[in-house]
């Protein structure tokens, strides 16, 4: 794995679109649910949001584990 590939994976993140897709809602719904409580456009979070957040976080953990393994495999042995 080269530097660019490793850092692309490292910098990858979950965006509004990914969470909206996981929950089966629109991006606008996600954005409105994230507003401050006092905001006029504030909406309740989508039903079952904790499960989607956990699932996405677990996917990030797995990506990180694979990244760690790939980078370690190519590291030179310590002298």
C-alpha atoms as a PDB file:
ATOM      1  CA  UNK A   1       0.000   0.000   0.000  1.00  0.00           C
ATOM      2  CA  UNK A   2       1.441   3.363  -0.960  1.00  0.00           C
ATOM      3  CA  UNK A   3       1.250   6.629   0.990  1.00  0.00           C
ATOM      4  CA  UNK A   4      -1.581   8.074  -1.090  1.00  0.00           C
ATOM      5  CA  UNK A   5      -3.776   4.972  -0.785  1.00  0.00           C
ATOM      6  CA  UNK A   6      -3.134   4.720   2.941  1.00  0.00           C
ATOM      7  CA  UNK A   7      -3.938   8.362   3.601  1.00  0.00           C
ATOM      8  CA  UNK A   8      -7.006   8.289   1.312  1.00  0.00           C
ATOM      9  CA  UNK A   9      -8.356   5.488   3.485  1.00  0.00           C
ATOM     10  CA  UNK A  10      -7.336   7.294   6.659  1.00  0.00           C
ATOM     11  CA  UNK A  11      -9.126  10.496   5.602  1.00  0.00           C
ATOM     12  CA  UNK A  12     -12.279   8.719   4.449  1.00  0.00           C
ATOM     13  CA  UNK A  13     -15.292   9.675   6.538  1.00  0.00           C
ATOM     14  CA  UNK A  14     -19.014   9.172   6.802  1.00  0.00           C
ATOM     15  CA  UNK A  15     -20.943  12.022   5.210  1.00  0.00           C
ATOM     16  CA  UNK A  16     -24.559  13.157   5.336  1.00  0.00           C
ATOM     17  CA  UNK A  17     -25.377  11.174   2.199  1.00  0.00           C
ATOM     18  CA  UNK A  18     -24.063   7.902   3.627  1.00  0.00           C
ATOM     19  CA  UNK A  19     -26.032   8.270   6.856  1.00  0.00           C
ATOM     20  CA  UNK A  20     -29.185   9.284   4.970  1.00  0.00           C
ATOM     21  CA  UNK A  21     -28.896   6.221   2.747  1.00  0.00           C
ATOM     22  CA  UNK A  22     -28.370   3.922   5.746  1.00  0.00           C
ATOM     23  CA  UNK A  23     -31.503   5.330   7.372  1.00  0.00           C
ATOM     24  CA  UNK A  24     -33.584   5.493   4.201  1.00  0.00           C
ATOM     25  CA  UNK A  25     -34.191   9.226   4.578  1.00  0.00           C
ATOM     26  CA  UNK A  26     -33.197  12.369   2.730  1.00  0.00           C
ATOM     27  CA  UNK A  27     -30.037  14.355   3.324  1.00  0.00           C
ATOM     28  CA  UNK A  28     -32.279  17.274   4.330  1.00  0.00           C
ATOM     29  CA  UNK A  29     -33.745  15.137   7.122  1.00  0.00           C
ATOM     30  CA  UNK A  30     -30.252  14.425   8.450  1.00  0.00           C
ATOM     31  CA  UNK A  31     -29.276  18.092   8.291  1.00  0.00           C
ATOM     32  CA  UNK A  32     -32.475  19.228  10.006  1.00  0.00           C
ATOM     33  CA  UNK A  33     -32.084  16.647  12.770  1.00  0.00           C
ATOM     34  CA  UNK A  34     -28.534  17.913  13.410  1.00  0.00           C
ATOM     35  CA  UNK A  35     -29.583  21.531  13.904  1.00  0.00           C
ATOM     36  CA  UNK A  36     -29.334  23.167  17.307  1.00  0.00           C
ATOM     37  CA  UNK A  37     -32.415  22.592  19.460  1.00  0.00           C
ATOM     38  CA  UNK A  38     -33.468  26.243  19.220  1.00  0.00           C
ATOM     39  CA  UNK A  39     -33.329  26.346  15.409  1.00  0.00           C
ATOM     40  CA  UNK A  40     -36.638  26.821  13.607  1.00  0.00           C
ATOM     41  CA  UNK A  41     -35.981  24.019  11.118  1.00  0.00           C
ATOM     42  CA  UNK A  42     -35.028  21.473  13.805  1.00  0.00           C
ATOM     43  CA  UNK A  43     -36.570  18.035  13.307  1.00  0.00           C
ATOM     44  CA  UNK A  44     -36.495  14.846  15.352  1.00  0.00           C
ATOM     45  CA  UNK A  45     -33.812  12.363  14.349  1.00  0.00           C
ATOM     46  CA  UNK A  46     -34.880   9.462  12.133  1.00  0.00           C
ATOM     47  CA  UNK A  47     -36.278   6.375  13.821  1.00  0.00           C
ATOM     48  CA  UNK A  48     -33.667   3.735  14.654  1.00  0.00           C
ATOM     49  CA  UNK A  49     -30.788   6.182  14.094  1.00  0.00           C
ATOM     50  CA  UNK A  50     -28.623   4.562  16.815  1.00  0.00           C
ATOM     51  CA  UNK A  51     -28.487   1.286  14.874  1.00  0.00           C
ATOM     52  CA  UNK A  52     -27.366   3.035  11.693  1.00  0.00           C
ATOM     53  CA  UNK A  53     -24.719   5.027  13.573  1.00  0.00           C
ATOM     54  CA  UNK A  54     -23.381   1.868  15.213  1.00  0.00           C
ATOM     55  CA  UNK A  55     -23.333  -0.002  11.893  1.00  0.00           C
ATOM     56  CA  UNK A  56     -21.458   2.826  10.152  1.00  0.00           C
ATOM     57  CA  UNK A  57     -19.022   3.192  13.056  1.00  0.00           C
ATOM     58  CA  UNK A  58     -18.323  -0.544  12.955  1.00  0.00           C
ATOM     59  CA  UNK A  59     -17.614  -0.266   9.226  1.00  0.00           C
ATOM     60  CA  UNK A  60     -15.134   2.528   9.967  1.00  0.00           C
ATOM     61  CA  UNK A  61     -13.451   0.365  12.595  1.00  0.00           C
ATOM     62  CA  UNK A  62     -13.111  -2.495  10.120  1.00  0.00           C
ATOM     63  CA  UNK A  63     -11.644  -0.151   7.487  1.00  0.00           C
ATOM     64  CA  UNK A  64      -9.155   1.108  10.055  1.00  0.00           C
ATOM     65  CA  UNK A  65      -8.191  -2.428  11.044  1.00  0.00           C
ATOM     66  CA  UNK A  66      -7.602  -3.372   7.416  1.00  0.00           C
ATOM     67  CA  UNK A  67      -5.557  -0.211   6.915  1.00  0.00           C
ATOM     68  CA  UNK A  68      -3.423  -0.974   9.961  1.00  0.00           C
ATOM     69  CA  UNK A  69      -2.807  -4.529   8.774  1.00  0.00           C
ATOM     70  CA  UNK A  70      -1.927  -3.425   5.233  1.00  0.00           C
ATOM     71  CA  UNK A  71       0.509  -0.741   6.387  1.00  0.00           C
ATOM     72  CA  UNK A  72       2.126  -2.998   9.005  1.00  0.00           C
ATOM     73  CA  UNK A  73       2.619  -5.753   6.433  1.00  0.00           C
ATOM     74  CA  UNK A  74       4.666  -3.398   4.259  1.00  0.00           C
ATOM     75  CA  UNK A  75       6.694  -1.788   7.036  1.00  0.00           C
ATOM     76  CA  UNK A  76      10.393  -2.565   7.042  1.00  0.00           C
ATOM     77  CA  UNK A  77      11.574  -4.700   9.921  1.00  0.00           C
ATOM     78  CA  UNK A  78      13.040  -2.677  12.808  1.00  0.00           C
ATOM     79  CA  UNK A  79      16.789  -2.736  13.056  1.00  0.00           C
END
